[in-house]
Every structure is written in structure tokens, then in C-alpha cells.
Amino acid sequence: MLTYPKFRLTADDRRALLGDFLPYAEIVVLADAAPARFPASRETDDTVFIHLAVMGQADFLVSGDGDLTALKAVSPVPILAVSALRTVLAEQRSQ
């Protein structure tokens, strides 16, 4: 994903970004196929993100992808836009 043209990241940018986030990453092993209980995205390559979020016990799946956000109502993991995540995090900090 970091190689997507919309991010305009050089190889050095990608390495630096990964270096910042790897200490907080966890390995999630997926079964060969997503169980039927996971909603299928219109874009079949996106279904894996819901699968990863569920198997990794993620609190949220953050995405601006319309195919994923279209599944908000049926996803077992809350799907939030970045702006919604900022709001949730700000509310948690104020408590």
C-alpha cells in the first residue's frame, strides 16, 4: 500500500515510515480464506483488511477507501475515517 501513487512516497520515505511504525506492529496470521462471517467488499482485495482487523483484534479499521467504508454497518470491527478516529482519540484522552 505504501507504494500506491497517491502517497507519493520514495523508497527512503517508505523505509522511514515503516521504521517509525514497526515497533508498534503485531504479526497476524490469517487462515487461507476469510470466513464467511466477514463481509465481502466490492473490491475483493479489500476484504483482507477486515479479516486482518478481526483476527488481530483491532479496535478500529481506519480507511478512506469507499469500498471499505461502505461496509461500516456490517463490519465486525468499526471502520472509521481518519477524522472520526481523531475524534474518538480526543474523547478518550479527555476522559
Protein backbone atom coordinates (compact mmCIF):
# COMPACT_ATOMS: atom_id res chain seq x y z
CA MET A 1 0.00 0.00 0.00
CA LEU A 2 2.78 2.44 0.71
CA THR A 3 3.75 2.15 -2.95
CA TYR A 4 0.35 3.50 -4.10
CA PRO A 5 0.95 6.53 -6.34
CA LYS A 6 -1.46 8.67 -4.28
CA PHE A 7 1.00 8.60 -1.35
CA ARG A 8 3.92 9.84 -3.46
CA LEU A 9 6.47 8.19 -1.18
CA THR A 10 10.02 7.49 -2.24
CA ALA A 11 11.71 4.25 -1.21
CA ASP A 12 13.50 6.18 1.55
CA ASP A 13 10.19 7.68 2.73
CA ARG A 14 8.64 4.20 2.91
CA ARG A 15 11.58 2.80 4.90
CA ALA A 16 11.45 5.70 7.35
CA LEU A 17 7.70 5.37 7.80
CA LEU A 18 7.92 1.64 8.37
CA GLY A 19 10.77 2.17 10.82
CA ASP A 20 8.53 4.50 12.83
CA PHE A 21 5.61 2.06 12.95
CA LEU A 22 7.25 -1.39 13.17
CA PRO A 23 7.86 -1.20 16.94
CA TYR A 24 4.08 -0.98 17.38
CA ALA A 25 3.17 -3.67 14.84
CA GLU A 26 1.95 -7.17 15.64
CA ILE A 27 2.08 -10.19 13.38
CA VAL A 28 -1.33 -11.58 12.49
CA VAL A 29 -1.54 -14.98 10.84
CA LEU A 30 -4.55 -15.44 8.61
CA ALA A 31 -6.30 -18.63 7.58
CA ASP A 32 -6.17 -19.36 3.86
CA ALA A 33 -9.57 -17.77 3.29
CA ALA A 34 -11.66 -15.24 5.15
CA PRO A 35 -14.52 -16.93 7.00
CA ALA A 36 -17.98 -16.29 5.60
CA ARG A 37 -18.83 -14.11 8.62
CA PHE A 38 -16.58 -11.36 7.23
CA PRO A 39 -18.43 -9.09 4.82
CA ALA A 40 -17.09 -9.10 1.30
CA SER A 41 -16.00 -5.80 -0.13
CA ARG A 42 -16.95 -4.73 -3.65
CA GLU A 43 -13.19 -4.69 -4.19
CA THR A 44 -12.16 -8.27 -3.39
CA ASP A 45 -8.61 -7.22 -2.47
CA ASP A 46 -10.04 -5.13 0.41
CA THR A 47 -11.73 -8.00 2.27
CA VAL A 48 -8.35 -9.00 3.71
CA PHE A 49 -8.25 -5.75 5.71
CA ILE A 50 -11.42 -6.67 7.59
CA HIS A 51 -10.07 -10.19 8.06
CA LEU A 52 -6.80 -8.78 9.47
CA ALA A 53 -8.62 -6.36 11.77
CA VAL A 54 -10.79 -9.13 13.22
CA MET A 55 -8.01 -11.69 13.59
CA GLY A 56 -5.69 -9.07 15.08
CA GLN A 57 -8.42 -7.93 17.50
CA ALA A 58 -8.09 -4.35 16.25
CA ASP A 59 -10.14 -1.67 17.95
CA PHE A 60 -10.74 0.07 14.60
CA LEU A 61 -10.07 -0.25 10.91
CA VAL A 62 -9.10 3.20 9.63
CA SER A 63 -9.72 3.79 5.95
CA GLY A 64 -10.77 6.39 3.46
CA ASP A 65 -11.44 3.72 0.85
CA GLY A 66 -15.06 3.92 -0.27
CA ASP A 67 -15.32 0.17 -0.80
CA LEU A 68 -14.36 -0.46 2.83
CA THR A 69 -16.29 2.39 4.38
CA ALA A 70 -19.40 1.11 2.55
CA LEU A 71 -19.19 -1.90 4.90
CA LYS A 72 -19.33 0.14 8.14
CA ALA A 73 -22.80 -1.10 9.05
CA VAL A 74 -21.95 -4.79 8.64
CA SER A 75 -18.30 -4.93 9.64
CA PRO A 76 -17.45 -6.79 12.87
CA VAL A 77 -14.77 -4.12 13.50
CA PRO A 78 -15.68 -0.42 13.45
CA ILE A 79 -14.50 1.22 10.23
CA LEU A 80 -13.56 4.86 10.75
CA ALA A 81 -12.31 7.67 8.57
CA VAL A 82 -9.18 9.41 9.86
CA SER A 83 -11.25 12.39 11.05
CA ALA A 84 -13.55 10.08 13.05
CA LEU A 85 -10.54 8.36 14.62
CA ARG A 86 -9.17 11.75 15.68
CA THR A 87 -12.49 12.49 17.39
CA VAL A 88 -12.54 9.12 19.16
CA LEU A 89 -8.94 9.52 20.36
CA ALA A 90 -9.58 13.09 21.57
CA GLU A 91 -12.63 11.89 23.52
CA GLN A 92 -10.61 9.06 25.09
CA ARG A 93 -7.86 11.49 26.14
CA SER A 94 -10.35 13.83 27.78
CA GLN A 95 -11.81 11.08 29.97
